[in-house]
Amino acid sequence: MGECCHRTKERTQKEQTDLIHRLNRIEGQIRGIKGMVEKDAYCIDILTQVAAADAALKGFGQVLLEHHLKSCVVRDIQEGKEETLDELMTILKKMMK
C-alpha cells in the first residue's frame, strides 16, 4: 500500500528542510501580525501582512502538492490505485476555495 494512503510520507532531507523553513517563516509572519494587533497598528498595515502570510501559506501548499503529485500520485496511478484521483480531486477543490 502507498505511503500517502496511510497518512505518512517519507521525504528527502532537502524536501523536509524546505518545508520546515517555509513553515518557520509563516509562523514568524503570524507572530508579527499578532504583535501588530497588540500594538494597535493601522488596519491596512495589518491586512497587508495578512495577505503576505496568506500568500506564503498558499505557496507552501503548492510546493507540498507538487511533491505529492510527483511521488505518491504517480506511484499510485502506476499501481492502478484510481482512488488516489478521487482523493486528489477532493483536496484540489478545498485548495481552490
PDB file of N, CA and C in Angstrom:
ATOM      1  N   MET A   1       0.837  -1.190   0.000  1.00  0.00           N
ATOM      2  CA  MET A   1       0.000   0.000   0.000  1.00  0.00           C
ATOM      3  C   MET A   1       0.876   1.245   0.000  1.00  0.00           C
ATOM      4  N   GLY A   2       0.384   2.314  -0.606  1.00  0.00           N
ATOM      5  CA  GLY A   2       1.140   3.556  -0.722  1.00  0.00           C
ATOM      6  C   GLY A   2       1.271   4.287   0.599  1.00  0.00           C
ATOM      7  N   GLU A   3       2.391   4.974   0.745  1.00  0.00           N
ATOM      8  CA  GLU A   3       2.656   5.734   1.964  1.00  0.00           C
ATOM      9  C   GLU A   3       1.569   6.773   2.222  1.00  0.00           C
ATOM     10  N   CYS A   4       1.162   7.471   1.163  1.00  0.00           N
ATOM     11  CA  CYS A   4       0.230   8.577   1.342  1.00  0.00           C
ATOM     12  C   CYS A   4      -1.142   8.097   1.811  1.00  0.00           C
ATOM     13  N   CYS A   5      -1.508   6.928   1.392  1.00  0.00           N
ATOM     14  CA  CYS A   5      -2.812   6.401   1.785  1.00  0.00           C
ATOM     15  C   CYS A   5      -2.848   6.045   3.268  1.00  0.00           C
ATOM     16  N   HIS A   6      -1.677   5.862   3.875  1.00  0.00           N
ATOM     17  CA  HIS A   6      -1.594   5.531   5.295  1.00  0.00           C
ATOM     18  C   HIS A   6      -1.261   6.745   6.141  1.00  0.00           C
ATOM     19  N   ARG A   7      -1.354   7.906   5.551  1.00  0.00           N
ATOM     20  CA  ARG A   7      -1.165   9.177   6.247  1.00  0.00           C
ATOM     21  C   ARG A   7       0.268   9.408   6.724  1.00  0.00           C
ATOM     22  N   THR A   8       1.235   8.733   6.118  1.00  0.00           N
ATOM     23  CA  THR A   8       2.637   9.048   6.353  1.00  0.00           C
ATOM     24  C   THR A   8       3.330   9.168   5.013  1.00  0.00           C
ATOM     25  N   LYS A   9       4.464   9.858   5.017  1.00  0.00           N
ATOM     26  CA  LYS A   9       5.198  10.077   3.777  1.00  0.00           C
ATOM     27  C   LYS A   9       6.650  10.304   4.131  1.00  0.00           C
ATOM     28  N   GLU A  10       7.534   9.507   3.575  1.00  0.00           N
ATOM     29  CA  GLU A  10       8.957   9.755   3.739  1.00  0.00           C
ATOM     30  C   GLU A  10       9.350  10.857   2.781  1.00  0.00           C
ATOM     31  N   ARG A  11      10.066  11.854   3.312  1.00  0.00           N
ATOM     32  CA  ARG A  11      10.534  12.965   2.491  1.00  0.00           C
ATOM     33  C   ARG A  11      12.048  12.986   2.504  1.00  0.00           C
ATOM     34  N   THR A  12      12.623  13.491   1.421  1.00  0.00           N
ATOM     35  CA  THR A  12      14.068  13.659   1.418  1.00  0.00           C
ATOM     36  C   THR A  12      14.416  14.731   2.447  1.00  0.00           C
ATOM     37  N   GLN A  13      15.672  14.747   2.878  1.00  0.00           N
ATOM     38  CA  GLN A  13      16.105  15.759   3.841  1.00  0.00           C
ATOM     39  C   GLN A  13      15.919  17.160   3.264  1.00  0.00           C
ATOM     40  N   LYS A  14      16.227  17.333   1.974  1.00  0.00           N
ATOM     41  CA  LYS A  14      16.086  18.637   1.315  1.00  0.00           C
ATOM     42  C   LYS A  14      14.621  19.065   1.298  1.00  0.00           C
ATOM     43  N   GLU A  15      13.732  18.144   0.934  1.00  0.00           N
ATOM     44  CA  GLU A  15      12.300  18.460   0.887  1.00  0.00           C
ATOM     45  C   GLU A  15      11.799  18.850   2.267  1.00  0.00           C
ATOM     46  N   GLN A  16      12.164  18.072   3.276  1.00  0.00           N
ATOM     47  CA  GLN A  16      11.709  18.356   4.634  1.00  0.00           C
ATOM     48  C   GLN A  16      12.273  19.690   5.129  1.00  0.00           C
ATOM     49  N   THR A  17      13.535  19.950   4.863  1.00  0.00           N
ATOM     50  CA  THR A  17      14.156  21.203   5.287  1.00  0.00           C
ATOM     51  C   THR A  17      13.460  22.395   4.642  1.00  0.00           C
ATOM     52  N   ASP A  18      13.178  22.301   3.344  1.00  0.00           N
ATOM     53  CA  ASP A  18      12.486  23.386   2.643  1.00  0.00           C
ATOM     54  C   ASP A  18      11.108  23.631   3.244  1.00  0.00           C
ATOM     55  N   LEU A  19      10.363  22.569   3.482  1.00  0.00           N
ATOM     56  CA  LEU A  19       9.017  22.730   4.045  1.00  0.00           C
ATOM     57  C   LEU A  19       9.068  23.345   5.443  1.00  0.00           C
ATOM     58  N   ILE A  20      10.007  22.892   6.266  1.00  0.00           N
ATOM     59  CA  ILE A  20      10.141  23.423   7.631  1.00  0.00           C
ATOM     60  C   ILE A  20      10.539  24.896   7.597  1.00  0.00           C
ATOM     61  N   HIS A  21      11.465  25.261   6.702  1.00  0.00           N
ATOM     62  CA  HIS A  21      11.855  26.677   6.584  1.00  0.00           C
ATOM     63  C   HIS A  21      10.667  27.539   6.178  1.00  0.00           C
ATOM     64  N   ARG A  22       9.869  27.049   5.233  1.00  0.00           N
ATOM     65  CA  ARG A  22       8.682  27.801   4.818  1.00  0.00           C
ATOM     66  C   ARG A  22       7.713  27.978   5.989  1.00  0.00           C
ATOM     67  N   LEU A  23       7.497  26.909   6.744  1.00  0.00           N
ATOM     68  CA  LEU A  23       6.590  26.993   7.892  1.00  0.00           C
ATOM     69  C   LEU A  23       7.131  27.927   8.967  1.00  0.00           C
ATOM     70  N   ASN A  24       8.437  27.907   9.179  1.00  0.00           N
ATOM     71  CA  ASN A  24       9.030  28.816  10.162  1.00  0.00           C
ATOM     72  C   ASN A  24       8.816  30.272   9.768  1.00  0.00           C
ATOM     73  N   ARG A  25       8.957  30.577   8.471  1.00  0.00           N
ATOM     74  CA  ARG A  25       8.729  31.949   8.006  1.00  0.00           C
ATOM     75  C   ARG A  25       7.263  32.339   8.199  1.00  0.00           C
ATOM     76  N   ILE A  26       6.365  31.421   7.883  1.00  0.00           N
ATOM     77  CA  ILE A  26       4.925  31.690   8.054  1.00  0.00           C
ATOM     78  C   ILE A  26       4.612  31.908   9.530  1.00  0.00           C
ATOM     79  N   GLU A  27       5.173  31.071  10.373  1.00  0.00           N
ATOM     80  CA  GLU A  27       4.962  31.211  11.816  1.00  0.00           C
ATOM     81  C   GLU A  27       5.449  32.581  12.294  1.00  0.00           C
ATOM     82  N   GLY A  28       6.592  33.015  11.793  1.00  0.00           N
ATOM     83  CA  GLY A  28       7.104  34.340  12.138  1.00  0.00           C
ATOM     84  C   GLY A  28       6.186  35.449  11.661  1.00  0.00           C
ATOM     85  N   GLN A  29       5.634  35.277  10.466  1.00  0.00           N
ATOM     86  CA  GLN A  29       4.690  36.274   9.950  1.00  0.00           C
ATOM     87  C   GLN A  29       3.462  36.370  10.849  1.00  0.00           C
ATOM     88  N   ILE A  30       2.962  35.230  11.281  1.00  0.00           N
ATOM     89  CA  ILE A  30       1.771  35.219  12.144  1.00  0.00           C
ATOM     90  C   ILE A  30       2.077  35.882  13.484  1.00  0.00           C
ATOM     91  N   ARG A  31       3.251  35.582  14.049  1.00  0.00           N
ATOM     92  CA  ARG A  31       3.636  36.234  15.309  1.00  0.00           C
ATOM     93  C   ARG A  31       3.749  37.751  15.099  1.00  0.00           C
ATOM     94  N   GLY A  32       4.264  38.160  13.933  1.00  0.00           N
ATOM     95  CA  GLY A  32       4.360  39.583  13.621  1.00  0.00           C
ATOM     96  C   GLY A  32       2.993  40.238  13.542  1.00  0.00           C
ATOM     97  N   ILE A  33       2.047  39.553  12.947  1.00  0.00           N
ATOM     98  CA  ILE A  33       0.677  40.079  12.854  1.00  0.00           C
ATOM     99  C   ILE A  33       0.077  40.221  14.249  1.00  0.00           C
ATOM    100  N   LYS A  34       0.292  39.216  15.075  1.00  0.00           N
ATOM    101  CA  LYS A  34      -0.211  39.277  16.451  1.00  0.00           C
ATOM    102  C   LYS A  34       0.384  40.488  17.170  1.00  0.00           C
ATOM    103  N   GLY A  35       1.673  40.700  16.991  1.00  0.00           N
ATOM    104  CA  GLY A  35       2.321  41.853  17.608  1.00  0.00           C
ATOM    105  C   GLY A  35       1.752  43.167  17.115  1.00  0.00           C
ATOM    106  N   MET A  36       1.436  43.224  15.834  1.00  0.00           N
ATOM    107  CA  MET A  36       0.837  44.441  15.271  1.00  0.00           C
ATOM    108  C   MET A  36      -0.522  44.720  15.907  1.00  0.00           C
ATOM    109  N   VAL A  37      -1.310  43.670  16.103  1.00  0.00           N
ATOM    110  CA  VAL A  37      -2.629  43.846  16.741  1.00  0.00           C
ATOM    111  C   VAL A  37      -2.441  44.324  18.175  1.00  0.00           C
ATOM    112  N   GLU A  38      -1.498  43.697  18.870  1.00  0.00           N
ATOM    113  CA  GLU A  38      -1.242  44.084  20.263  1.00  0.00           C
ATOM    114  C   GLU A  38      -0.775  45.540  20.378  1.00  0.00           C
ATOM    115  N   LYS A  39      -0.103  46.042  19.344  1.00  0.00           N
ATOM    116  CA  LYS A  39       0.409  47.420  19.362  1.00  0.00           C
ATOM    117  C   LYS A  39      -0.529  48.399  18.659  1.00  0.00           C
ATOM    118  N   ASP A  40      -1.755  47.940  18.390  1.00  0.00           N
ATOM    119  CA  ASP A  40      -2.770  48.800  17.766  1.00  0.00           C
ATOM    120  C   ASP A  40      -2.311  49.385  16.431  1.00  0.00           C
ATOM    121  N   ALA A  41      -1.676  48.555  15.609  1.00  0.00           N
ATOM    122  CA  ALA A  41      -1.226  49.003  14.290  1.00  0.00           C
ATOM    123  C   ALA A  41      -2.433  49.344  13.414  1.00  0.00           C
ATOM    124  N   TYR A  42      -2.183  50.160  12.418  1.00  0.00           N
ATOM    125  CA  TYR A  42      -3.207  50.578  11.471  1.00  0.00           C
ATOM    126  C   TYR A  42      -3.739  49.357  10.714  1.00  0.00           C
ATOM    127  N   CYS A  43      -5.039  49.293  10.531  1.00  0.00           N
ATOM    128  CA  CYS A  43      -5.698  48.123   9.924  1.00  0.00           C
ATOM    129  C   CYS A  43      -5.091  47.737   8.574  1.00  0.00           C
ATOM    130  N   ILE A  44      -4.852  48.713   7.713  1.00  0.00           N
ATOM    131  CA  ILE A  44      -4.327  48.417   6.380  1.00  0.00           C
ATOM    132  C   ILE A  44      -2.946  47.774   6.475  1.00  0.00           C
ATOM    133  N   ASP A  45      -2.134  48.228   7.431  1.00  0.00           N
ATOM    134  CA  ASP A  45      -0.808  47.624   7.616  1.00  0.00           C
ATOM    135  C   ASP A  45      -0.938  46.160   8.043  1.00  0.00           C
ATOM    136  N   ILE A  46      -1.883  45.886   8.928  1.00  0.00           N
ATOM    137  CA  ILE A  46      -2.117  44.505   9.369  1.00  0.00           C
ATOM    138  C   ILE A  46      -2.634  43.667   8.205  1.00  0.00           C
ATOM    139  N   LEU A  47      -3.600  44.207   7.481  1.00  0.00           N
ATOM    140  CA  LEU A  47      -4.168  43.468   6.348  1.00  0.00           C
ATOM    141  C   LEU A  47      -3.108  43.168   5.284  1.00  0.00           C
ATOM    142  N   THR A  48      -2.164  44.071   5.097  1.00  0.00           N
ATOM    143  CA  THR A  48      -1.073  43.834   4.157  1.00  0.00           C
ATOM    144  C   THR A  48      -0.250  42.621   4.598  1.00  0.00           C
ATOM    145  N   GLN A  49       0.012  42.543   5.888  1.00  0.00           N
ATOM    146  CA  GLN A  49       0.772  41.406   6.408  1.00  0.00           C
ATOM    147  C   GLN A  49      -0.052  40.109   6.369  1.00  0.00           C
ATOM    148  N   VAL A  50      -1.351  40.216   6.572  1.00  0.00           N
ATOM    149  CA  VAL A  50      -2.234  39.044   6.456  1.00  0.00           C
ATOM    150  C   VAL A  50      -2.189  38.512   5.025  1.00  0.00           C
ATOM    151  N   ALA A  51      -2.226  39.401   4.057  1.00  0.00           N
ATOM    152  CA  ALA A  51      -2.168  38.991   2.652  1.00  0.00           C
ATOM    153  C   ALA A  51      -0.839  38.293   2.354  1.00  0.00           C
ATOM    154  N   ALA A  52       0.249  38.814   2.910  1.00  0.00           N
ATOM    155  CA  ALA A  52       1.561  38.196   2.698  1.00  0.00           C
ATOM    156  C   ALA A  52       1.621  36.802   3.334  1.00  0.00           C
ATOM    157  N   ALA A  53       1.083  36.662   4.533  1.00  0.00           N
ATOM    158  CA  ALA A  53       1.074  35.358   5.205  1.00  0.00           C
ATOM    159  C   ALA A  53       0.190  34.367   4.447  1.00  0.00           C
ATOM    160  N   ASP A  54      -0.940  34.854   3.954  1.00  0.00           N
ATOM    161  CA  ASP A  54      -1.841  34.011   3.169  1.00  0.00           C
ATOM    162  C   ASP A  54      -1.139  33.508   1.908  1.00  0.00           C
ATOM    163  N   ALA A  55      -0.430  34.398   1.227  1.00  0.00           N
ATOM    164  CA  ALA A  55       0.298  34.012   0.017  1.00  0.00           C
ATOM    165  C   ALA A  55       1.393  32.998   0.344  1.00  0.00           C
ATOM    166  N   ALA A  56       2.077  33.191   1.469  1.00  0.00           N
ATOM    167  CA  ALA A  56       3.129  32.257   1.871  1.00  0.00           C
ATOM    168  C   ALA A  56       2.544  30.877   2.183  1.00  0.00           C
ATOM    169  N   LEU A  57       1.400  30.836   2.845  1.00  0.00           N
ATOM    170  CA  LEU A  57       0.758  29.560   3.166  1.00  0.00           C
ATOM    171  C   LEU A  57       0.273  28.863   1.898  1.00  0.00           C
ATOM    172  N   LYS A  58      -0.267  29.638   0.972  1.00  0.00           N
ATOM    173  CA  LYS A  58      -0.688  29.048  -0.306  1.00  0.00           C
ATOM    174  C   LYS A  58       0.519  28.507  -1.066  1.00  0.00           C
ATOM    175  N   GLY A  59       1.632  29.222  -1.028  1.00  0.00           N
ATOM    176  CA  GLY A  59       2.862  28.748  -1.670  1.00  0.00           C
ATOM    177  C   GLY A  59       3.340  27.450  -1.053  1.00  0.00           C
ATOM    178  N   PHE A  60       3.253  27.353   0.272  1.00  0.00           N
ATOM    179  CA  PHE A  60       3.605  26.117   0.965  1.00  0.00           C
ATOM    180  C   PHE A  60       2.739  24.964   0.457  1.00  0.00           C
ATOM    181  N   GLY A  61       1.432  25.201   0.369  1.00  0.00           N
ATOM    182  CA  GLY A  61       0.506  24.173  -0.110  1.00  0.00           C
ATOM    183  C   GLY A  61       0.813  23.748  -1.534  1.00  0.00           C
ATOM    184  N   GLN A  62       1.186  24.698  -2.377  1.00  0.00           N
ATOM    185  CA  GLN A  62       1.518  24.373  -3.768  1.00  0.00           C
ATOM    186  C   GLN A  62       2.767  23.516  -3.858  1.00  0.00           C
ATOM    187  N   VAL A  63       3.782  23.839  -3.056  1.00  0.00           N
ATOM    188  CA  VAL A  63       5.007  23.036  -3.052  1.00  0.00           C
ATOM    189  C   VAL A  63       4.698  21.621  -2.559  1.00  0.00           C
ATOM    190  N   LEU A  64       3.928  21.518  -1.487  1.00  0.00           N
ATOM    191  CA  LEU A  64       3.572  20.213  -0.945  1.00  0.00           C
ATOM    192  C   LEU A  64       2.748  19.409  -1.950  1.00  0.00           C
ATOM    193  N   LEU A  65       1.820  20.058  -2.634  1.00  0.00           N
ATOM    194  CA  LEU A  65       1.016  19.393  -3.652  1.00  0.00           C
ATOM    195  C   LEU A  65       1.892  18.889  -4.794  1.00  0.00           C
ATOM    196  N   GLU A  66       2.846  19.700  -5.210  1.00  0.00           N
ATOM    197  CA  GLU A  66       3.746  19.285  -6.288  1.00  0.00           C
ATOM    198  C   GLU A  66       4.531  18.031  -5.897  1.00  0.00           C
ATOM    199  N   HIS A  67       5.068  18.022  -4.676  1.00  0.00           N
ATOM    200  CA  HIS A  67       5.785  16.833  -4.204  1.00  0.00           C
ATOM    201  C   HIS A  67       4.865  15.613  -4.186  1.00  0.00           C
ATOM    202  N   HIS A  68       3.639  15.825  -3.734  1.00  0.00           N
ATOM    203  CA  HIS A  68       2.671  14.728  -3.658  1.00  0.00           C
ATOM    204  C   HIS A  68       2.359  14.180  -5.049  1.00  0.00           C
ATOM    205  N   LEU A  69       2.141  15.078  -5.998  1.00  0.00           N
ATOM    206  CA  LEU A  69       1.835  14.648  -7.366  1.00  0.00           C
ATOM    207  C   LEU A  69       2.986  13.843  -7.966  1.00  0.00           C
ATOM    208  N   LYS A  70       4.203  14.329  -7.758  1.00  0.00           N
ATOM    209  CA  LYS A  70       5.368  13.692  -8.370  1.00  0.00           C
ATOM    210  C   LYS A  70       5.773  12.390  -7.698  1.00  0.00           C
ATOM    211  N   SER A  71       5.284  12.143  -6.504  1.00  0.00           N
ATOM    212  CA  SER A  71       5.670  10.912  -5.810  1.00  0.00           C
ATOM    213  C   SER A  71       4.463   9.998  -5.603  1.00  0.00           C
ATOM    214  N   CYS A  72       3.640  10.314  -4.652  1.00  0.00           N
ATOM    215  CA  CYS A  72       2.524   9.440  -4.271  1.00  0.00           C
ATOM    216  C   CYS A  72       1.531   9.207  -5.405  1.00  0.00           C
ATOM    217  N   VAL A  73       1.114  10.280  -6.056  1.00  0.00           N
ATOM    218  CA  VAL A  73       0.083  10.152  -7.091  1.00  0.00           C
ATOM    219  C   VAL A  73       0.610   9.353  -8.279  1.00  0.00           C
ATOM    220  N   VAL A  74       1.808   9.679  -8.739  1.00  0.00           N
ATOM    221  CA  VAL A  74       2.391   8.945  -9.870  1.00  0.00           C
ATOM    222  C   VAL A  74       2.508   7.463  -9.535  1.00  0.00           C
ATOM    223  N   ARG A  75       3.039   7.166  -8.353  1.00  0.00           N
ATOM    224  CA  ARG A  75       3.212   5.774  -7.943  1.00  0.00           C
ATOM    225  C   ARG A  75       1.869   5.044  -7.864  1.00  0.00           C
ATOM    226  N   ASP A  76       0.883   5.684  -7.230  1.00  0.00           N
ATOM    227  CA  ASP A  76      -0.413   5.026  -7.067  1.00  0.00           C
ATOM    228  C   ASP A  76      -1.094   4.777  -8.408  1.00  0.00           C
ATOM    229  N   ILE A  77      -0.998   5.710  -9.323  1.00  0.00           N
ATOM    230  CA  ILE A  77      -1.599   5.514 -10.645  1.00  0.00           C
ATOM    231  C   ILE A  77      -0.899   4.375 -11.379  1.00  0.00           C
ATOM    232  N   GLN A  78       0.428   4.331 -11.275  1.00  0.00           N
ATOM    233  CA  GLN A  78       1.173   3.229 -11.900  1.00  0.00           C
ATOM    234  C   GLN A  78       0.776   1.885 -11.308  1.00  0.00           C
ATOM    235  N   GLU A  79       0.389   1.902 -10.033  1.00  0.00           N
ATOM    236  CA  GLU A  79      -0.041   0.674  -9.362  1.00  0.00           C
ATOM    237  C   GLU A  79      -1.536   0.406  -9.546  1.00  0.00           C
ATOM    238  N   GLY A  80      -2.215   1.263 -10.307  1.00  0.00           N
ATOM    239  CA  GLY A  80      -3.631   1.055 -10.590  1.00  0.00           C
ATOM    240  C   GLY A  80      -4.576   1.504  -9.491  1.00  0.00           C
ATOM    241  N   LYS A  81      -4.115   2.313  -8.581  1.00  0.00           N
ATOM    242  CA  LYS A  81      -4.943   2.776  -7.462  1.00  0.00           C
ATOM    243  C   LYS A  81      -5.683   4.046  -7.870  1.00  0.00           C
ATOM    244  N   GLU A  82      -6.788   3.871  -8.543  1.00  0.00           N
ATOM    245  CA  GLU A  82      -7.543   5.011  -9.070  1.00  0.00           C
ATOM    246  C   GLU A  82      -8.214   5.845  -7.986  1.00  0.00           C
ATOM    247  N   GLU A  83      -8.382   5.303  -6.785  1.00  0.00           N
ATOM    248  CA  GLU A  83      -8.985   6.068  -5.698  1.00  0.00           C
ATOM    249  C   GLU A  83      -8.118   7.280  -5.332  1.00  0.00           C
ATOM    250  N   THR A  84      -6.847   7.229  -5.694  1.00  0.00           N
ATOM    251  CA  THR A  84      -5.952   8.353  -5.452  1.00  0.00           C
ATOM    252  C   THR A  84      -6.426   9.596  -6.201  1.00  0.00           C
ATOM    253  N   LEU A  85      -6.993   9.409  -7.386  1.00  0.00           N
ATOM    254  CA  LEU A  85      -7.514  10.550  -8.148  1.00  0.00           C
ATOM    255  C   LEU A  85      -8.698  11.194  -7.439  1.00  0.00           C
ATOM    256  N   ASP A  86      -9.547  10.371  -6.827  1.00  0.00           N
ATOM    257  CA  ASP A  86     -10.678  10.918  -6.074  1.00  0.00           C
ATOM    258  C   ASP A  86     -10.173  11.749  -4.891  1.00  0.00           C
ATOM    259  N   GLU A  87      -9.168  11.220  -4.197  1.00  0.00           N
ATOM    260  CA  GLU A  87      -8.574  11.932  -3.069  1.00  0.00           C
ATOM    261  C   GLU A  87      -7.959  13.255  -3.547  1.00  0.00           C
ATOM    262  N   LEU A  88      -7.271  13.204  -4.672  1.00  0.00           N
ATOM    263  CA  LEU A  88      -6.646  14.394  -5.236  1.00  0.00           C
ATOM    264  C   LEU A  88      -7.696  15.436  -5.615  1.00  0.00           C
ATOM    265  N   MET A  89      -8.769  15.009  -6.241  1.00  0.00           N
ATOM    266  CA  MET A  89      -9.829  15.945  -6.626  1.00  0.00           C
ATOM    267  C   MET A  89     -10.453  16.600  -5.393  1.00  0.00           C
ATOM    268  N   THR A  90     -10.623  15.848  -4.330  1.00  0.00           N
ATOM    269  CA  THR A  90     -11.194  16.390  -3.094  1.00  0.00           C
ATOM    270  C   THR A  90     -10.311  17.490  -2.533  1.00  0.00           C
ATOM    271  N   ILE A  91      -9.001  17.240  -2.469  1.00  0.00           N
ATOM    272  CA  ILE A  91      -8.112  18.246  -1.895  1.00  0.00           C
ATOM    273  C   ILE A  91      -7.964  19.444  -2.826  1.00  0.00           C
ATOM    274  N   LEU A  92      -7.978  19.234  -4.132  1.00  0.00           N
ATOM    275  CA  LEU A  92      -7.894  20.358  -5.057  1.00  0.00           C
ATOM    276  C   LEU A  92      -9.106  21.282  -4.916  1.00  0.00           C
ATOM    277  N   LYS A  93     -10.274  20.699  -4.726  1.00  0.00           N
ATOM    278  CA  LYS A  93     -11.477  21.518  -4.521  1.00  0.00           C
ATOM    279  C   LYS A  93     -11.352  22.355  -3.255  1.00  0.00           C
ATOM    280  N   LYS A  94     -10.795  21.778  -2.197  1.00  0.00           N
ATOM    281  CA  LYS A  94     -10.604  22.526  -0.942  1.00  0.00           C
ATOM    282  C   LYS A  94      -9.581  23.633  -1.124  1.00  0.00           C
ATOM    283  N   MET A  95      -8.528  23.356  -1.878  1.00  0.00           N
ATOM    284  CA  MET A  95      -7.469  24.344  -2.075  1.00  0.00           C
ATOM    285  C   MET A  95      -7.911  25.503  -2.965  1.00  0.00           C
ATOM    286  N   MET A  96      -8.900  25.265  -3.816  1.00  0.00           N
ATOM    287  CA  MET A  96      -9.352  26.304  -4.737  1.00  0.00           C
ATOM    288  C   MET A  96     -10.372  27.251  -4.116  1.00  0.00           C
ATOM    289  N   LYS A  97     -10.826  26.964  -2.925  1.00  0.00           N
ATOM    290  CA  LYS A  97     -11.819  27.830  -2.263  1.00  0.00           C
ATOM    291  C   LYS A  97     -11.176  29.117  -1.807  1.00  0.00           C
TER     292      LYS A  97
END
